[in-house]
Amino acid sequence: MKYRALILLLAVLSASPALADDGNRWGFGSDVGFVSGTVNGTVFALNFNLDYYLDSAFSIGPMLQITPTGDLTRIAIAGVARYHFQTRYVNIVPFAGLGLVHDDLDRGSGTSRISRNDTSHYIPLGVSVEYPLARKLALATTLMVSLHDLNFSPPVGDDHTSVSLLFGIRFGP
């Protein structure tokens, strides 16, 4: 599963320069940070998004979240709509999306080993604050609440929400 997500990520990244020539309507972002409230506590996360700007204030596109380290591997992908409130000093970007999330938990070894996984709907809701550095480049801070319904059998329990705090960079049209 980890390799499929990596192949998907590389495909998106390699396709984005070709897509950027379409009237300069494409943007890209990447983030690093943490996800709390998972069945494994707080975990390191990577986020990637590709945005197609319908106009200067509204974009749509895919968002990918991966937690590649530790006992918990999460791969979440969603279609996301973003509204860009642009001010002189910062841009406020609320967003909402719909997609799928898959969690794979492998903890411990021997007879006490826990190996559980589940796939669920994924509803990311959040806001990014972008700090423009240049016309097409910005630093970003993102706070996101993810709604899902991951069901793991005992002793792990269920996971219905998680909160992400991410820091990244945005390239706009």
Protein backbone atom coordinates (compact mmCIF):
# COMPACT_ATOMS: atom_id res chain seq x y z
CA MET A 1 0.00 0.00 0.00
CA LYS A 2 2.88 2.38 0.77
CA TYR A 3 4.34 1.87 -2.70
CA ARG A 4 1.02 2.58 -4.43
CA ALA A 5 0.75 5.91 -2.61
CA LEU A 6 4.33 6.79 -3.56
CA ILE A 7 3.64 5.95 -7.22
CA LEU A 8 0.47 8.09 -7.12
CA LEU A 9 2.40 10.98 -5.59
CA LEU A 10 5.16 10.75 -8.21
CA ALA A 11 2.55 10.66 -10.99
CA VAL A 12 0.90 13.83 -9.67
CA LEU A 13 4.24 15.60 -9.28
CA SER A 14 5.48 14.60 -12.74
CA ALA A 15 2.19 15.59 -14.41
CA SER A 16 1.98 19.02 -12.77
CA PRO A 17 4.57 20.83 -14.99
CA ALA A 18 2.68 19.73 -18.10
CA LEU A 19 -0.60 20.88 -16.59
CA ALA A 20 0.84 24.25 -15.55
CA ASP A 21 0.89 25.42 -19.19
CA ASP A 22 -2.93 25.47 -19.32
CA GLY A 23 -3.39 29.25 -19.13
CA ASN A 24 -1.39 29.34 -15.90
CA ARG A 25 -4.36 28.14 -13.80
CA TRP A 26 -2.55 25.47 -11.78
CA GLY A 27 -1.12 25.68 -8.28
CA PHE A 28 0.70 23.18 -6.09
CA GLY A 29 1.32 22.89 -2.36
CA SER A 30 3.14 20.62 0.03
CA ASP A 31 3.15 20.49 3.83
CA VAL A 32 4.79 18.68 6.72
CA GLY A 33 3.36 18.46 10.19
CA PHE A 34 1.51 16.31 12.67
CA VAL A 35 -1.84 14.54 12.95
CA SER A 36 -3.23 14.08 16.47
CA GLY A 37 -6.16 11.98 17.58
CA THR A 38 -5.25 8.86 15.61
CA VAL A 39 -5.36 5.34 17.06
CA ASN A 40 -1.58 5.65 17.44
CA GLY A 41 -1.60 9.08 19.11
CA THR A 42 0.17 11.91 17.29
CA VAL A 43 1.95 10.99 14.05
CA PHE A 44 4.13 12.77 11.47
CA ALA A 45 2.33 13.65 8.22
CA LEU A 46 2.98 14.85 4.68
CA ASN A 47 0.32 16.65 2.64
CA PHE A 48 0.27 17.44 -1.08
CA ASN A 49 -2.33 19.34 -3.05
CA LEU A 50 -2.85 20.30 -6.67
CA ASP A 51 -5.22 23.20 -7.36
CA TYR A 52 -6.97 24.22 -10.55
CA TYR A 53 -8.03 27.86 -10.22
CA LEU A 54 -11.49 28.48 -11.70
CA ASP A 55 -10.86 32.16 -10.93
CA SER A 56 -8.44 34.03 -8.66
CA ALA A 57 -10.52 33.27 -5.54
CA PHE A 58 -11.70 29.67 -6.05
CA SER A 59 -9.81 26.45 -6.73
CA ILE A 60 -10.54 22.73 -6.81
CA GLY A 61 -8.27 19.71 -6.90
CA PRO A 62 -6.93 16.62 -5.16
CA MET A 63 -5.31 16.55 -1.72
CA LEU A 64 -3.17 13.64 -0.51
CA GLN A 65 -2.15 13.01 3.11
CA ILE A 66 0.44 10.36 4.01
CA THR A 67 1.76 9.33 7.42
CA PRO A 68 4.85 7.39 6.33
CA THR A 69 6.59 6.69 9.65
CA GLY A 70 5.90 4.79 12.85
CA ASP A 71 3.35 2.09 13.61
CA LEU A 72 0.49 3.83 11.77
CA THR A 73 0.43 4.30 8.02
CA ARG A 74 -2.35 6.58 6.76
CA ILE A 75 -3.11 7.32 3.15
CA ALA A 76 -5.95 9.75 2.55
CA ILE A 77 -7.02 11.30 -0.73
CA ALA A 78 -9.84 13.77 -1.27
CA GLY A 79 -11.21 16.18 -3.82
CA VAL A 80 -11.06 19.61 -2.19
CA ALA A 81 -12.62 23.00 -2.90
CA ARG A 82 -10.78 26.10 -1.62
CA TYR A 83 -11.83 29.73 -1.38
CA HIS A 84 -8.95 32.23 -1.34
CA PHE A 85 -9.51 35.45 0.65
CA GLN A 86 -6.60 37.60 -0.48
CA THR A 87 -5.41 40.51 1.61
CA ARG A 88 -2.31 42.63 1.41
CA TYR A 89 -0.31 40.65 4.00
CA VAL A 90 -1.88 37.17 4.27
CA ASN A 91 -4.29 34.97 2.37
CA ILE A 92 -6.96 33.07 4.32
CA VAL A 93 -7.96 29.84 2.54
CA PRO A 94 -10.84 27.80 4.03
CA PHE A 95 -11.39 24.41 2.41
CA ALA A 96 -13.61 21.35 2.49
CA GLY A 97 -13.38 18.03 0.70
CA LEU A 98 -14.61 14.48 0.30
CA GLY A 99 -12.60 11.31 -0.26
CA LEU A 100 -11.26 8.07 1.23
CA VAL A 101 -8.80 7.27 4.02
CA HIS A 102 -7.01 3.99 4.75
CA ASP A 103 -5.22 3.36 8.07
CA ASP A 104 -2.88 0.43 8.64
CA LEU A 105 -1.72 -0.13 12.24
CA ASP A 106 1.12 -2.59 12.95
CA ARG A 107 2.25 -2.37 16.57
CA GLY A 108 4.38 -4.70 18.67
CA SER A 109 5.74 -8.15 17.93
CA GLY A 110 5.17 -11.76 18.85
CA THR A 111 1.94 -12.74 20.58
CA SER A 112 1.21 -9.13 21.63
CA ARG A 113 1.38 -7.89 18.02
CA ILE A 114 -1.52 -5.72 16.85
CA SER A 115 -2.17 -5.62 13.11
CA ARG A 116 -5.35 -3.82 12.09
CA ASN A 117 -6.48 -1.80 9.07
CA ASP A 118 -9.63 -0.14 7.79
CA THR A 119 -10.82 2.16 5.01
CA SER A 120 -13.45 4.86 5.43
CA HIS A 121 -14.94 8.02 3.98
CA TYR A 122 -12.77 11.10 4.54
CA ILE A 123 -14.03 14.66 5.03
CA PRO A 124 -11.20 17.18 5.50
CA LEU A 125 -12.31 20.59 6.81
CA GLY A 126 -9.82 23.31 7.51
CA VAL A 127 -8.19 26.63 6.92
CA SER A 128 -4.77 27.66 5.63
CA VAL A 129 -3.08 30.97 6.28
CA GLU A 130 -0.69 31.81 3.46
CA TYR A 131 2.13 34.32 3.84
CA PRO A 132 3.11 35.55 0.35
CA LEU A 133 6.85 35.74 -0.33
CA ALA A 134 6.51 36.58 -4.03
CA ARG A 135 3.67 36.84 -6.54
CA LYS A 136 3.46 33.05 -7.06
CA LEU A 137 5.10 31.76 -3.87
CA ALA A 138 3.84 31.62 -0.27
CA LEU A 139 4.55 29.94 3.04
CA ALA A 140 1.50 28.33 4.64
CA THR A 141 0.16 27.14 7.98
CA THR A 142 -2.80 24.76 7.88
CA LEU A 143 -5.16 23.56 10.60
CA MET A 144 -7.41 20.70 9.47
CA VAL A 145 -10.05 18.53 11.14
CA SER A 146 -10.65 15.19 9.43
CA LEU A 147 -13.94 13.37 9.86
CA HIS A 148 -13.93 9.64 9.15
CA ASP A 149 -15.18 6.34 10.59
CA LEU A 150 -12.29 3.93 10.96
CA ASN A 151 -13.27 0.80 12.90
CA PHE A 152 -10.55 -1.30 14.50
CA SER A 153 -11.40 -4.29 16.62
CA PRO A 154 -10.38 -4.37 20.31
CA PRO A 155 -8.02 -3.56 21.93
CA VAL A 156 -7.47 -0.63 19.54
CA GLY A 157 -10.96 0.86 19.23
CA ASP A 158 -12.46 3.23 16.69
CA ASP A 159 -11.21 6.48 15.18
CA HIS A 160 -13.73 9.14 14.13
CA THR A 161 -11.76 12.40 13.95
CA SER A 162 -8.22 13.68 13.80
CA VAL A 163 -6.65 17.14 13.82
CA SER A 164 -3.68 18.12 11.64
CA LEU A 165 -1.30 21.04 12.06
CA LEU A 166 0.85 21.48 8.97
CA PHE A 167 3.47 23.91 7.67
CA GLY A 168 4.32 24.19 4.00
CA ILE A 169 4.82 26.06 0.79
CA ARG A 170 2.42 27.06 -2.00
CA PHE A 171 3.08 27.74 -5.68
CA GLY A 172 0.22 29.59 -7.37
CA PRO A 173 -0.72 30.64 -10.88
